[in-house]
Amino acid sequence: MKAGHKRAPYDPERHCGARRKGRPHCQQVKGWGTDHLGIGNCRLHFGNTPNHRNAAKRIMAAQAVETYGLPREVDPSDALLEEVWRTAGHVDYLAFQVRSHEPDELVYGQVESSESKAGESHVYAEKRQARPSVWLELYLRERKHLVAVCATAISVGIAERQVYLAEQQGRLIAECIRGVLDDLGVADAPDVGEIVRHHLTLIQGGK
């Protein structure tokens, strides 16, 4: 550091922050020199060790499926339905991530590691055995959550509420059609019923 230049203040949101004498010291960007830039320790402070890399992967995976938003007023039933749809989207995304990995990557990985320093070199020891990957764990967790939130939605009557709303909508459409046909004076025509049935089927996505 040049004379007269002050060291920039440590930023915990941006800097590695590895400690020296109990205080945050390293001001390299988080994850500098690693495959997890922006997260965790830098290369100079064990950022490339298995423990740090796995921890960073968990953070990145969690960030990938988190949904952020501003507070808003919402009907509890609507919020529950949104959670069903949102979780279904998470499951689809995580399923894609799982499919993109080789089978061995999903069921076999590092479970324990140690770090030591010998002179100027870092020595890493690693133990590997069968265990689910981060993506597979998140995928299974979200699937379980989707089942739970769907069961909750059904238990509080949301499915019945949707049926009721659909029935109400159907009644309004029928009354509207009946009024139009009466005004046109064709409500009693022999083929009116078949024509109306055909077009209502088209609205519902039938043939």
N, C-alpha and C. Protein backbone atom coordinates (compact mmCIF):
# COMPACT_ATOMS: atom_id res chain seq x y z
N MET A 1 0.85 -1.19 0.00
CA MET A 1 0.00 0.00 0.00
C MET A 1 0.89 1.24 0.00
N LYS A 2 0.61 2.21 -0.89
CA LYS A 2 1.42 3.42 -0.98
C LYS A 2 1.18 4.31 0.22
N ALA A 3 2.27 5.06 0.56
CA ALA A 3 2.15 5.98 1.69
C ALA A 3 1.09 7.01 1.40
N GLY A 4 0.30 7.33 2.40
CA GLY A 4 -0.75 8.34 2.24
C GLY A 4 -2.06 7.77 1.75
N HIS A 5 -2.07 6.50 1.32
CA HIS A 5 -3.30 5.87 0.84
C HIS A 5 -3.93 5.07 1.96
N LYS A 6 -5.18 5.29 2.23
CA LYS A 6 -5.89 4.54 3.26
C LYS A 6 -6.50 3.28 2.68
N ARG A 7 -6.45 2.24 3.47
CA ARG A 7 -7.05 0.97 3.06
C ARG A 7 -8.58 1.13 3.00
N ALA A 8 -9.18 0.67 1.91
CA ALA A 8 -10.63 0.77 1.77
C ALA A 8 -11.31 -0.03 2.87
N PRO A 9 -12.44 0.45 3.37
CA PRO A 9 -13.12 -0.26 4.46
C PRO A 9 -13.60 -1.64 4.02
N TYR A 10 -13.58 -2.56 4.94
CA TYR A 10 -14.05 -3.92 4.67
C TYR A 10 -15.55 -3.92 4.46
N ASP A 11 -15.99 -4.57 3.38
CA ASP A 11 -17.41 -4.67 3.06
C ASP A 11 -17.83 -6.14 3.15
N PRO A 12 -18.59 -6.53 4.18
CA PRO A 12 -18.95 -7.95 4.34
C PRO A 12 -19.81 -8.50 3.22
N GLU A 13 -20.48 -7.62 2.47
CA GLU A 13 -21.31 -8.08 1.35
C GLU A 13 -20.48 -8.37 0.11
N ARG A 14 -19.24 -7.84 0.07
CA ARG A 14 -18.44 -7.93 -1.17
C ARG A 14 -17.10 -8.61 -0.98
N HIS A 15 -16.53 -8.53 0.20
CA HIS A 15 -15.16 -9.02 0.41
C HIS A 15 -15.13 -10.40 1.05
N CYS A 16 -14.05 -11.10 0.78
CA CYS A 16 -13.82 -12.44 1.33
C CYS A 16 -13.92 -12.43 2.85
N GLY A 17 -13.18 -11.53 3.49
CA GLY A 17 -13.31 -11.36 4.94
C GLY A 17 -12.61 -12.40 5.78
N ALA A 18 -11.68 -13.18 5.17
CA ALA A 18 -10.91 -14.12 5.99
C ALA A 18 -10.24 -13.34 7.13
N ARG A 19 -10.18 -13.94 8.30
CA ARG A 19 -9.75 -13.20 9.49
C ARG A 19 -8.25 -13.29 9.74
N ARG A 20 -7.74 -12.23 10.33
CA ARG A 20 -6.38 -12.19 10.83
C ARG A 20 -6.43 -11.59 12.22
N LYS A 21 -5.91 -12.35 13.18
CA LYS A 21 -5.96 -11.94 14.59
C LYS A 21 -7.40 -11.67 15.04
N GLY A 22 -8.31 -12.51 14.54
CA GLY A 22 -9.69 -12.42 14.99
C GLY A 22 -10.54 -11.38 14.30
N ARG A 23 -9.96 -10.64 13.34
CA ARG A 23 -10.72 -9.58 12.67
C ARG A 23 -10.75 -9.82 11.17
N PRO A 24 -11.86 -9.48 10.49
CA PRO A 24 -11.91 -9.62 9.03
C PRO A 24 -10.76 -8.85 8.38
N HIS A 25 -10.03 -9.52 7.49
CA HIS A 25 -8.85 -8.89 6.91
C HIS A 25 -8.87 -8.87 5.38
N CYS A 26 -9.14 -10.03 4.75
CA CYS A 26 -9.00 -10.12 3.29
C CYS A 26 -10.06 -9.29 2.57
N GLN A 27 -9.61 -8.45 1.63
CA GLN A 27 -10.53 -7.63 0.87
C GLN A 27 -10.59 -8.04 -0.60
N GLN A 28 -10.21 -9.28 -0.88
CA GLN A 28 -10.48 -9.82 -2.21
C GLN A 28 -11.99 -10.00 -2.36
N VAL A 29 -12.46 -9.92 -3.58
CA VAL A 29 -13.89 -10.15 -3.84
C VAL A 29 -14.25 -11.57 -3.42
N LYS A 30 -15.43 -11.74 -2.86
CA LYS A 30 -15.89 -13.07 -2.46
C LYS A 30 -15.74 -14.06 -3.61
N GLY A 31 -15.18 -15.22 -3.31
CA GLY A 31 -15.05 -16.26 -4.32
C GLY A 31 -14.03 -15.98 -5.39
N TRP A 32 -13.17 -14.96 -5.23
CA TRP A 32 -12.16 -14.64 -6.25
C TRP A 32 -11.25 -15.84 -6.49
N GLY A 33 -11.01 -16.16 -7.77
CA GLY A 33 -10.14 -17.27 -8.11
C GLY A 33 -10.76 -18.64 -7.94
N THR A 34 -12.09 -18.70 -7.76
CA THR A 34 -12.78 -19.98 -7.61
C THR A 34 -13.90 -20.08 -8.64
N ASP A 35 -14.64 -21.20 -8.60
CA ASP A 35 -15.78 -21.36 -9.49
C ASP A 35 -17.07 -20.86 -8.85
N HIS A 36 -16.96 -20.15 -7.71
CA HIS A 36 -18.15 -19.59 -7.05
C HIS A 36 -17.94 -18.10 -6.77
N LEU A 37 -17.56 -17.36 -7.82
CA LEU A 37 -17.30 -15.93 -7.69
C LEU A 37 -18.52 -15.22 -7.11
N GLY A 38 -18.26 -14.39 -6.10
CA GLY A 38 -19.34 -13.65 -5.46
C GLY A 38 -19.88 -14.30 -4.21
N ILE A 39 -19.40 -15.53 -3.91
CA ILE A 39 -19.88 -16.27 -2.74
C ILE A 39 -18.69 -16.90 -2.02
N GLY A 40 -18.64 -16.75 -0.70
CA GLY A 40 -17.65 -17.46 0.10
C GLY A 40 -16.24 -16.89 0.03
N ASN A 41 -15.29 -17.69 0.52
CA ASN A 41 -13.91 -17.26 0.60
C ASN A 41 -13.22 -17.26 -0.77
N CYS A 42 -12.16 -16.45 -0.86
CA CYS A 42 -11.40 -16.38 -2.11
C CYS A 42 -10.42 -17.55 -2.19
N ARG A 43 -9.72 -17.64 -3.33
CA ARG A 43 -8.76 -18.74 -3.56
C ARG A 43 -7.64 -18.74 -2.53
N LEU A 44 -7.22 -17.56 -2.10
CA LEU A 44 -6.11 -17.46 -1.15
C LEU A 44 -6.48 -17.94 0.25
N HIS A 45 -7.77 -18.05 0.52
CA HIS A 45 -8.22 -18.45 1.86
C HIS A 45 -9.15 -19.66 1.79
N PHE A 46 -8.65 -20.69 1.12
CA PHE A 46 -9.29 -22.01 1.08
C PHE A 46 -10.61 -22.03 0.31
N GLY A 47 -10.84 -21.04 -0.56
CA GLY A 47 -12.09 -21.01 -1.32
C GLY A 47 -12.25 -22.17 -2.28
N ASN A 48 -11.11 -22.81 -2.66
CA ASN A 48 -11.18 -23.94 -3.59
C ASN A 48 -11.18 -25.30 -2.89
N THR A 49 -11.24 -25.30 -1.58
CA THR A 49 -11.28 -26.58 -0.87
C THR A 49 -12.67 -27.20 -1.01
N PRO A 50 -12.78 -28.51 -0.89
CA PRO A 50 -14.09 -29.16 -1.04
C PRO A 50 -15.15 -28.59 -0.10
N ASN A 51 -14.78 -28.33 1.15
CA ASN A 51 -15.76 -27.81 2.10
C ASN A 51 -16.33 -26.47 1.65
N HIS A 52 -15.46 -25.55 1.25
CA HIS A 52 -15.91 -24.23 0.85
C HIS A 52 -16.69 -24.29 -0.47
N ARG A 53 -16.24 -25.11 -1.40
CA ARG A 53 -16.94 -25.21 -2.68
C ARG A 53 -18.34 -25.80 -2.50
N ASN A 54 -18.46 -26.82 -1.65
CA ASN A 54 -19.78 -27.41 -1.42
C ASN A 54 -20.72 -26.43 -0.71
N ALA A 55 -20.17 -25.69 0.24
CA ALA A 55 -20.99 -24.69 0.93
C ALA A 55 -21.48 -23.64 -0.05
N ALA A 56 -20.60 -23.21 -0.96
CA ALA A 56 -20.99 -22.21 -1.96
C ALA A 56 -22.05 -22.76 -2.90
N LYS A 57 -21.93 -24.04 -3.27
CA LYS A 57 -22.92 -24.65 -4.15
C LYS A 57 -24.30 -24.67 -3.49
N ARG A 58 -24.33 -24.93 -2.20
CA ARG A 58 -25.61 -24.93 -1.49
C ARG A 58 -26.25 -23.55 -1.51
N ILE A 59 -25.42 -22.53 -1.32
CA ILE A 59 -25.94 -21.16 -1.34
C ILE A 59 -26.46 -20.82 -2.73
N MET A 60 -25.69 -21.15 -3.78
CA MET A 60 -26.11 -20.85 -5.15
C MET A 60 -27.38 -21.60 -5.52
N ALA A 61 -27.48 -22.86 -5.10
CA ALA A 61 -28.67 -23.65 -5.41
C ALA A 61 -29.90 -23.07 -4.73
N ALA A 62 -29.72 -22.66 -3.47
CA ALA A 62 -30.85 -22.06 -2.74
C ALA A 62 -31.28 -20.75 -3.38
N GLN A 63 -30.30 -19.94 -3.82
CA GLN A 63 -30.61 -18.67 -4.47
C GLN A 63 -31.35 -18.88 -5.78
N ALA A 64 -31.04 -19.99 -6.46
CA ALA A 64 -31.65 -20.24 -7.77
C ALA A 64 -33.14 -20.49 -7.69
N VAL A 65 -33.62 -20.97 -6.54
CA VAL A 65 -35.05 -21.28 -6.45
C VAL A 65 -35.80 -20.35 -5.51
N GLU A 66 -35.11 -19.37 -4.94
CA GLU A 66 -35.80 -18.42 -4.08
C GLU A 66 -36.58 -17.40 -4.92
N THR A 67 -37.71 -16.98 -4.43
CA THR A 67 -38.52 -15.96 -5.09
C THR A 67 -38.68 -14.79 -4.13
N TYR A 68 -38.26 -13.61 -4.60
CA TYR A 68 -38.34 -12.43 -3.76
C TYR A 68 -39.44 -11.50 -4.27
N GLY A 69 -40.03 -10.72 -3.39
CA GLY A 69 -41.07 -9.77 -3.78
C GLY A 69 -41.37 -8.79 -2.67
N LEU A 70 -42.03 -7.69 -3.01
CA LEU A 70 -42.43 -6.70 -2.02
C LEU A 70 -43.69 -7.16 -1.29
N PRO A 71 -43.86 -6.76 -0.04
CA PRO A 71 -45.09 -7.13 0.69
C PRO A 71 -46.33 -6.63 -0.03
N ARG A 72 -47.40 -7.40 -0.01
CA ARG A 72 -48.65 -7.00 -0.65
C ARG A 72 -49.80 -7.70 0.05
N GLU A 73 -50.97 -7.12 -0.09
CA GLU A 73 -52.16 -7.75 0.46
C GLU A 73 -52.63 -8.84 -0.49
N VAL A 74 -53.00 -9.99 0.07
CA VAL A 74 -53.43 -11.10 -0.77
C VAL A 74 -54.41 -11.95 0.03
N ASP A 75 -55.43 -12.43 -0.66
CA ASP A 75 -56.38 -13.35 -0.05
C ASP A 75 -55.66 -14.65 0.30
N PRO A 76 -55.88 -15.19 1.51
CA PRO A 76 -55.19 -16.42 1.91
C PRO A 76 -55.36 -17.56 0.92
N SER A 77 -56.55 -17.71 0.36
CA SER A 77 -56.76 -18.79 -0.61
C SER A 77 -55.94 -18.56 -1.86
N ASP A 78 -55.88 -17.30 -2.33
CA ASP A 78 -55.07 -16.99 -3.50
C ASP A 78 -53.60 -17.23 -3.21
N ALA A 79 -53.16 -16.86 -2.00
CA ALA A 79 -51.76 -17.06 -1.63
C ALA A 79 -51.41 -18.55 -1.64
N LEU A 80 -52.34 -19.38 -1.17
CA LEU A 80 -52.09 -20.82 -1.14
C LEU A 80 -52.01 -21.38 -2.56
N LEU A 81 -52.88 -20.90 -3.43
CA LEU A 81 -52.82 -21.35 -4.83
C LEU A 81 -51.51 -20.90 -5.48
N GLU A 82 -51.08 -19.66 -5.19
CA GLU A 82 -49.81 -19.18 -5.73
C GLU A 82 -48.66 -20.05 -5.26
N GLU A 83 -48.72 -20.48 -4.01
CA GLU A 83 -47.65 -21.34 -3.49
C GLU A 83 -47.64 -22.69 -4.22
N VAL A 84 -48.83 -23.20 -4.54
CA VAL A 84 -48.89 -24.44 -5.32
C VAL A 84 -48.21 -24.25 -6.67
N TRP A 85 -48.57 -23.17 -7.37
CA TRP A 85 -48.01 -22.92 -8.71
C TRP A 85 -46.51 -22.65 -8.63
N ARG A 86 -46.11 -21.84 -7.63
CA ARG A 86 -44.70 -21.49 -7.49
C ARG A 86 -43.86 -22.73 -7.19
N THR A 87 -44.35 -23.57 -6.27
CA THR A 87 -43.60 -24.77 -5.92
C THR A 87 -43.54 -25.74 -7.09
N ALA A 88 -44.62 -25.82 -7.85
CA ALA A 88 -44.60 -26.67 -9.05
C ALA A 88 -43.52 -26.19 -10.02
N GLY A 89 -43.36 -24.86 -10.14
CA GLY A 89 -42.30 -24.31 -10.98
C GLY A 89 -40.92 -24.66 -10.45
N HIS A 90 -40.73 -24.59 -9.13
CA HIS A 90 -39.47 -24.97 -8.52
C HIS A 90 -39.15 -26.43 -8.82
N VAL A 91 -40.15 -27.29 -8.68
CA VAL A 91 -39.94 -28.72 -8.92
C VAL A 91 -39.50 -28.96 -10.36
N ASP A 92 -40.15 -28.28 -11.31
CA ASP A 92 -39.78 -28.44 -12.72
C ASP A 92 -38.34 -27.98 -12.96
N TYR A 93 -37.97 -26.84 -12.37
CA TYR A 93 -36.62 -26.31 -12.55
C TYR A 93 -35.58 -27.26 -11.96
N LEU A 94 -35.83 -27.75 -10.74
CA LEU A 94 -34.89 -28.64 -10.10
C LEU A 94 -34.82 -29.99 -10.81
N ALA A 95 -35.94 -30.44 -11.36
CA ALA A 95 -35.94 -31.69 -12.13
C ALA A 95 -35.01 -31.55 -13.34
N PHE A 96 -35.03 -30.37 -13.98
CA PHE A 96 -34.13 -30.13 -15.12
C PHE A 96 -32.67 -30.20 -14.66
N GLN A 97 -32.37 -29.59 -13.50
CA GLN A 97 -31.01 -29.61 -12.98
C GLN A 97 -30.57 -31.05 -12.67
N VAL A 98 -31.46 -31.82 -12.09
CA VAL A 98 -31.13 -33.22 -11.77
C VAL A 98 -30.85 -34.01 -13.05
N ARG A 99 -31.69 -33.80 -14.07
CA ARG A 99 -31.51 -34.53 -15.34
C ARG A 99 -30.22 -34.15 -16.03
N SER A 100 -29.70 -32.96 -15.76
CA SER A 100 -28.48 -32.50 -16.44
C SER A 100 -27.21 -33.09 -15.84
N HIS A 101 -27.32 -33.82 -14.72
CA HIS A 101 -26.16 -34.42 -14.07
C HIS A 101 -26.06 -35.91 -14.41
N GLU A 102 -24.84 -36.40 -14.40
CA GLU A 102 -24.64 -37.83 -14.55
C GLU A 102 -25.12 -38.55 -13.29
N PRO A 103 -25.59 -39.80 -13.42
CA PRO A 103 -26.09 -40.52 -12.24
C PRO A 103 -25.09 -40.56 -11.08
N ASP A 104 -23.80 -40.76 -11.39
CA ASP A 104 -22.80 -40.84 -10.32
C ASP A 104 -22.68 -39.52 -9.57
N GLU A 105 -22.92 -38.41 -10.26
CA GLU A 105 -22.81 -37.10 -9.62
C GLU A 105 -23.94 -36.87 -8.63
N LEU A 106 -25.04 -37.58 -8.79
CA LEU A 106 -26.21 -37.38 -7.93
C LEU A 106 -26.16 -38.23 -6.67
N VAL A 107 -25.43 -39.34 -6.71
CA VAL A 107 -25.49 -40.27 -5.57
C VAL A 107 -24.14 -40.53 -4.93
N TYR A 108 -23.07 -39.92 -5.46
CA TYR A 108 -21.75 -40.20 -4.90
C TYR A 108 -20.99 -38.90 -4.78
N GLY A 109 -20.56 -38.57 -3.56
CA GLY A 109 -19.87 -37.30 -3.37
C GLY A 109 -19.06 -37.25 -2.10
N GLN A 110 -18.42 -36.10 -1.88
CA GLN A 110 -17.57 -35.90 -0.71
C GLN A 110 -18.42 -35.65 0.54
N VAL A 111 -18.07 -36.30 1.62
CA VAL A 111 -18.81 -36.14 2.87
C VAL A 111 -17.95 -35.56 3.98
N GLU A 112 -16.62 -35.59 3.81
CA GLU A 112 -15.75 -35.09 4.86
C GLU A 112 -14.42 -34.68 4.24
N SER A 113 -13.86 -33.58 4.70
CA SER A 113 -12.56 -33.15 4.20
C SER A 113 -11.81 -32.43 5.30
N SER A 114 -10.50 -32.37 5.15
CA SER A 114 -9.67 -31.67 6.11
C SER A 114 -8.64 -30.84 5.37
N GLU A 115 -8.18 -29.78 5.99
CA GLU A 115 -7.24 -28.87 5.37
C GLU A 115 -6.04 -28.71 6.30
N SER A 116 -4.85 -28.67 5.72
CA SER A 116 -3.65 -28.42 6.50
C SER A 116 -2.65 -27.70 5.64
N LYS A 117 -1.66 -27.12 6.28
CA LYS A 117 -0.65 -26.37 5.55
C LYS A 117 0.71 -26.94 5.86
N ALA A 118 1.45 -27.27 4.79
CA ALA A 118 2.80 -27.79 4.92
C ALA A 118 3.74 -26.83 4.20
N GLY A 119 4.39 -25.98 4.95
CA GLY A 119 5.23 -24.97 4.32
C GLY A 119 4.39 -23.97 3.57
N GLU A 120 4.64 -23.82 2.28
CA GLU A 120 3.87 -22.90 1.45
C GLU A 120 2.73 -23.61 0.72
N SER A 121 2.58 -24.91 0.95
CA SER A 121 1.57 -25.68 0.22
C SER A 121 0.39 -26.02 1.13
N HIS A 122 -0.78 -26.10 0.52
CA HIS A 122 -1.98 -26.54 1.23
C HIS A 122 -2.23 -28.01 0.91
N VAL A 123 -2.52 -28.78 1.91
CA VAL A 123 -2.77 -30.21 1.75
C VAL A 123 -4.23 -30.48 2.06
N TYR A 124 -4.93 -31.13 1.15
CA TYR A 124 -6.34 -31.44 1.32
C TYR A 124 -6.52 -32.95 1.41
N ALA A 125 -7.30 -33.38 2.35
CA ALA A 125 -7.67 -34.79 2.46
C ALA A 125 -9.18 -34.88 2.34
N GLU A 126 -9.66 -35.85 1.59
CA GLU A 126 -11.09 -35.92 1.28
C GLU A 126 -11.59 -37.35 1.42
N LYS A 127 -12.78 -37.49 2.01
CA LYS A 127 -13.44 -38.79 2.12
C LYS A 127 -14.72 -38.76 1.30
N ARG A 128 -14.90 -39.75 0.47
CA ARG A 128 -16.06 -39.79 -0.41
C ARG A 128 -16.87 -41.06 -0.14
N GLN A 129 -18.18 -40.92 -0.27
CA GLN A 129 -19.06 -42.08 -0.17
C GLN A 129 -20.39 -41.72 -0.80
N ALA A 130 -21.29 -42.68 -0.89
CA ALA A 130 -22.59 -42.44 -1.49
C ALA A 130 -23.39 -41.46 -0.64
N ARG A 131 -23.85 -40.38 -1.28
CA ARG A 131 -24.74 -39.41 -0.62
C ARG A 131 -25.38 -38.56 -1.71
N PRO A 132 -26.63 -38.10 -1.51
CA PRO A 132 -27.32 -37.31 -2.54
C PRO A 132 -26.62 -35.98 -2.78
N SER A 133 -26.67 -35.52 -4.03
CA SER A 133 -26.11 -34.21 -4.34
C SER A 133 -27.03 -33.11 -3.81
N VAL A 134 -26.53 -31.87 -3.82
CA VAL A 134 -27.33 -30.73 -3.38
C VAL A 134 -28.58 -30.60 -4.22
N TRP A 135 -28.45 -30.73 -5.55
CA TRP A 135 -29.61 -30.58 -6.44
C TRP A 135 -30.66 -31.64 -6.16
N LEU A 136 -30.21 -32.88 -5.95
CA LEU A 136 -31.16 -33.96 -5.69
C LEU A 136 -31.87 -33.74 -4.36
N GLU A 137 -31.13 -33.29 -3.33
CA GLU A 137 -31.75 -33.01 -2.03
C GLU A 137 -32.81 -31.92 -2.15
N LEU A 138 -32.49 -30.84 -2.88
CA LEU A 138 -33.46 -29.76 -3.05
C LEU A 138 -34.67 -30.23 -3.85
N TYR A 139 -34.43 -31.03 -4.88
CA TYR A 139 -35.51 -31.55 -5.71
C TYR A 139 -36.49 -32.38 -4.87
N LEU A 140 -35.94 -33.30 -4.06
CA LEU A 140 -36.79 -34.14 -3.23
C LEU A 140 -37.53 -33.31 -2.18
N ARG A 141 -36.86 -32.30 -1.63
CA ARG A 141 -37.49 -31.44 -0.62
C ARG A 141 -38.64 -30.64 -1.22
N GLU A 142 -38.44 -30.09 -2.44
CA GLU A 142 -39.50 -29.32 -3.07
C GLU A 142 -40.67 -30.20 -3.48
N ARG A 143 -40.40 -31.43 -3.92
CA ARG A 143 -41.48 -32.35 -4.26
C ARG A 143 -42.33 -32.64 -3.03
N LYS A 144 -41.67 -32.86 -1.90
CA LYS A 144 -42.39 -33.11 -0.65
C LYS A 144 -43.24 -31.90 -0.27
N HIS A 145 -42.68 -30.70 -0.44
CA HIS A 145 -43.41 -29.48 -0.12
C HIS A 145 -44.61 -29.31 -1.05
N LEU A 146 -44.44 -29.65 -2.34
CA LEU A 146 -45.54 -29.52 -3.29
C LEU A 146 -46.70 -30.43 -2.89
N VAL A 147 -46.40 -31.66 -2.51
CA VAL A 147 -47.45 -32.57 -2.06
C VAL A 147 -48.17 -32.00 -0.84
N ALA A 148 -47.39 -31.46 0.09
CA ALA A 148 -47.98 -30.92 1.33
C ALA A 148 -48.87 -29.73 1.05
N VAL A 149 -48.42 -28.81 0.19
CA VAL A 149 -49.21 -27.61 -0.05
C VAL A 149 -50.45 -27.93 -0.87
N CYS A 150 -50.35 -28.92 -1.75
CA CYS A 150 -51.54 -29.35 -2.50
C CYS A 150 -52.56 -29.98 -1.56
N ALA A 151 -52.09 -30.80 -0.63
CA ALA A 151 -52.99 -31.42 0.33
C ALA A 151 -53.67 -30.36 1.19
N THR A 152 -52.91 -29.31 1.57
CA THR A 152 -53.49 -28.23 2.36
C THR A 152 -54.56 -27.49 1.57
N ALA A 153 -54.27 -27.21 0.30
CA ALA A 153 -55.23 -26.50 -0.55
C ALA A 153 -56.54 -27.28 -0.66
N ILE A 154 -56.42 -28.59 -0.82
CA ILE A 154 -57.62 -29.41 -0.93
C ILE A 154 -58.37 -29.45 0.39
N SER A 155 -57.62 -29.55 1.50
CA SER A 155 -58.25 -29.69 2.81
C SER A 155 -59.03 -28.45 3.22
N VAL A 156 -58.62 -27.26 2.74
CA VAL A 156 -59.33 -26.04 3.11
C VAL A 156 -60.40 -25.68 2.09
N GLY A 157 -60.64 -26.58 1.14
CA GLY A 157 -61.77 -26.39 0.23
C GLY A 157 -61.49 -25.54 -0.99
N ILE A 158 -60.21 -25.33 -1.33
CA ILE A 158 -59.92 -24.50 -2.50
C ILE A 158 -60.40 -25.18 -3.77
N ALA A 159 -60.26 -26.51 -3.85
CA ALA A 159 -60.72 -27.20 -5.05
C ALA A 159 -62.23 -27.03 -5.21
N GLU A 160 -62.97 -27.18 -4.10
CA GLU A 160 -64.42 -27.00 -4.14
C GLU A 160 -64.77 -25.55 -4.51
N ARG A 161 -63.98 -24.61 -3.99
CA ARG A 161 -64.23 -23.20 -4.30
C ARG A 161 -64.06 -22.93 -5.79
N GLN A 162 -63.05 -23.55 -6.40
CA GLN A 162 -62.84 -23.37 -7.83
C GLN A 162 -64.00 -23.95 -8.64
N VAL A 163 -64.50 -25.11 -8.21
CA VAL A 163 -65.65 -25.71 -8.88
C VAL A 163 -66.86 -24.80 -8.77
N TYR A 164 -67.06 -24.26 -7.57
CA TYR A 164 -68.20 -23.36 -7.34
C TYR A 164 -68.11 -22.14 -8.25
N LEU A 165 -66.92 -21.54 -8.35
CA LEU A 165 -66.74 -20.36 -9.21
C LEU A 165 -66.99 -20.71 -10.67
N ALA A 166 -66.52 -21.90 -11.06
CA ALA A 166 -66.75 -22.32 -12.45
C ALA A 166 -68.24 -22.51 -12.71
N GLU A 167 -68.95 -23.07 -11.73
CA GLU A 167 -70.39 -23.25 -11.88
C GLU A 167 -71.10 -21.91 -11.98
N GLN A 168 -70.70 -20.95 -11.14
CA GLN A 168 -71.29 -19.62 -11.19
C GLN A 168 -71.04 -18.96 -12.54
N GLN A 169 -69.83 -19.13 -13.03
CA GLN A 169 -69.50 -18.55 -14.34
C GLN A 169 -70.35 -19.19 -15.43
N GLY A 170 -70.55 -20.51 -15.32
CA GLY A 170 -71.38 -21.20 -16.30
C GLY A 170 -72.81 -20.70 -16.29
N ARG A 171 -73.36 -20.44 -15.10
CA ARG A 171 -74.72 -19.93 -14.99
C ARG A 171 -74.84 -18.55 -15.63
N LEU A 172 -73.84 -17.69 -15.39
CA LEU A 172 -73.87 -16.35 -15.97
C LEU A 172 -73.83 -16.40 -17.50
N ILE A 173 -72.99 -17.31 -18.03
CA ILE A 173 -72.90 -17.46 -19.49
C ILE A 173 -74.24 -17.94 -20.04
N ALA A 174 -74.84 -18.92 -19.36
CA ALA A 174 -76.12 -19.47 -19.82
C ALA A 174 -77.22 -18.40 -19.81
N GLU A 175 -77.26 -17.59 -18.75
CA GLU A 175 -78.25 -16.52 -18.68
C GLU A 175 -78.04 -15.49 -19.77
N CYS A 176 -76.77 -15.19 -20.05
CA CYS A 176 -76.46 -14.22 -21.12
C CYS A 176 -76.93 -14.74 -22.48
N ILE A 177 -76.62 -16.02 -22.74
CA ILE A 177 -77.03 -16.61 -24.02
C ILE A 177 -78.55 -16.65 -24.14
N ARG A 178 -79.21 -17.03 -23.04
CA ARG A 178 -80.67 -17.10 -23.05
C ARG A 178 -81.27 -15.73 -23.33
N GLY A 179 -80.72 -14.69 -22.73
CA GLY A 179 -81.22 -13.35 -22.97
C GLY A 179 -81.05 -12.91 -24.40
N VAL A 180 -79.90 -13.21 -25.00
CA VAL A 180 -79.64 -12.85 -26.40
C VAL A 180 -80.61 -13.58 -27.32
N LEU A 181 -80.81 -14.87 -27.09
CA LEU A 181 -81.70 -15.65 -27.94
C LEU A 181 -83.15 -15.17 -27.82
N ASP A 182 -83.57 -14.82 -26.60
CA ASP A 182 -84.92 -14.31 -26.41
C ASP A 182 -85.11 -12.99 -27.16
N ASP A 183 -84.13 -12.11 -27.05
CA ASP A 183 -84.23 -10.82 -27.74
C ASP A 183 -84.27 -10.99 -29.25
N LEU A 184 -83.58 -12.02 -29.76
CA LEU A 184 -83.58 -12.26 -31.20
C LEU A 184 -84.80 -13.06 -31.65
N GLY A 185 -85.54 -13.59 -30.68
CA GLY A 185 -86.73 -14.35 -31.01
C GLY A 185 -86.45 -15.72 -31.57
N VAL A 186 -85.29 -16.30 -31.27
CA VAL A 186 -84.94 -17.60 -31.84
C VAL A 186 -84.71 -18.64 -30.74
N ALA A 187 -85.11 -18.33 -29.53
CA ALA A 187 -84.84 -19.25 -28.42
C ALA A 187 -85.50 -20.61 -28.61
N ASP A 188 -86.63 -20.64 -29.35
CA ASP A 188 -87.36 -21.90 -29.52
C ASP A 188 -87.00 -22.63 -30.81
N ALA A 189 -86.01 -22.13 -31.56
CA ALA A 189 -85.62 -22.80 -32.81
C ALA A 189 -85.08 -24.19 -32.49
N PRO A 190 -85.38 -25.21 -33.34
CA PRO A 190 -85.03 -26.60 -33.02
C PRO A 190 -83.54 -26.87 -32.90
N ASP A 191 -82.71 -26.13 -33.61
CA ASP A 191 -81.27 -26.44 -33.58
C ASP A 191 -80.48 -25.52 -32.63
N VAL A 192 -81.18 -24.65 -31.89
CA VAL A 192 -80.48 -23.72 -31.00
C VAL A 192 -79.69 -24.46 -29.92
N GLY A 193 -80.31 -25.47 -29.33
CA GLY A 193 -79.64 -26.21 -28.25
C GLY A 193 -78.32 -26.82 -28.69
N GLU A 194 -78.31 -27.43 -29.88
CA GLU A 194 -77.11 -28.07 -30.39
C GLU A 194 -76.02 -27.05 -30.70
N ILE A 195 -76.45 -25.91 -31.27
CA ILE A 195 -75.47 -24.86 -31.60
C ILE A 195 -74.83 -24.29 -30.34
N VAL A 196 -75.65 -23.99 -29.34
CA VAL A 196 -75.12 -23.44 -28.08
C VAL A 196 -74.19 -24.44 -27.41
N ARG A 197 -74.60 -25.71 -27.40
CA ARG A 197 -73.76 -26.75 -26.77
C ARG A 197 -72.41 -26.84 -27.47
N HIS A 198 -72.42 -26.75 -28.80
CA HIS A 198 -71.18 -26.83 -29.58
C HIS A 198 -70.22 -25.70 -29.21
N HIS A 199 -70.72 -24.47 -29.12
CA HIS A 199 -69.85 -23.33 -28.84
C HIS A 199 -69.39 -23.30 -27.38
N LEU A 200 -70.22 -23.76 -26.47
CA LEU A 200 -69.77 -23.85 -25.08
C LEU A 200 -68.65 -24.89 -24.94
N THR A 201 -68.76 -25.96 -25.70
CA THR A 201 -67.71 -26.98 -25.69
C THR A 201 -66.39 -26.40 -26.20
N LEU A 202 -66.48 -25.55 -27.24
CA LEU A 202 -65.27 -24.90 -27.76
C LEU A 202 -64.62 -24.01 -26.69
N ILE A 203 -65.44 -23.28 -25.92
CA ILE A 203 -64.92 -22.42 -24.85
C ILE A 203 -64.17 -23.26 -23.83
N GLN A 204 -64.65 -24.45 -23.53
CA GLN A 204 -64.05 -25.32 -22.53
C GLN A 204 -62.86 -26.11 -23.05
N GLY A 205 -62.52 -25.90 -24.32
CA GLY A 205 -61.35 -26.58 -24.88
C GLY A 205 -61.67 -27.92 -25.49
N GLY A 206 -62.95 -28.21 -25.72
CA GLY A 206 -63.33 -29.49 -26.32
C GLY A 206 -63.32 -29.37 -27.82
N LYS A 207 -63.94 -30.36 -28.46
CA LYS A 207 -64.00 -30.38 -29.93
C LYS A 207 -65.44 -30.26 -30.40
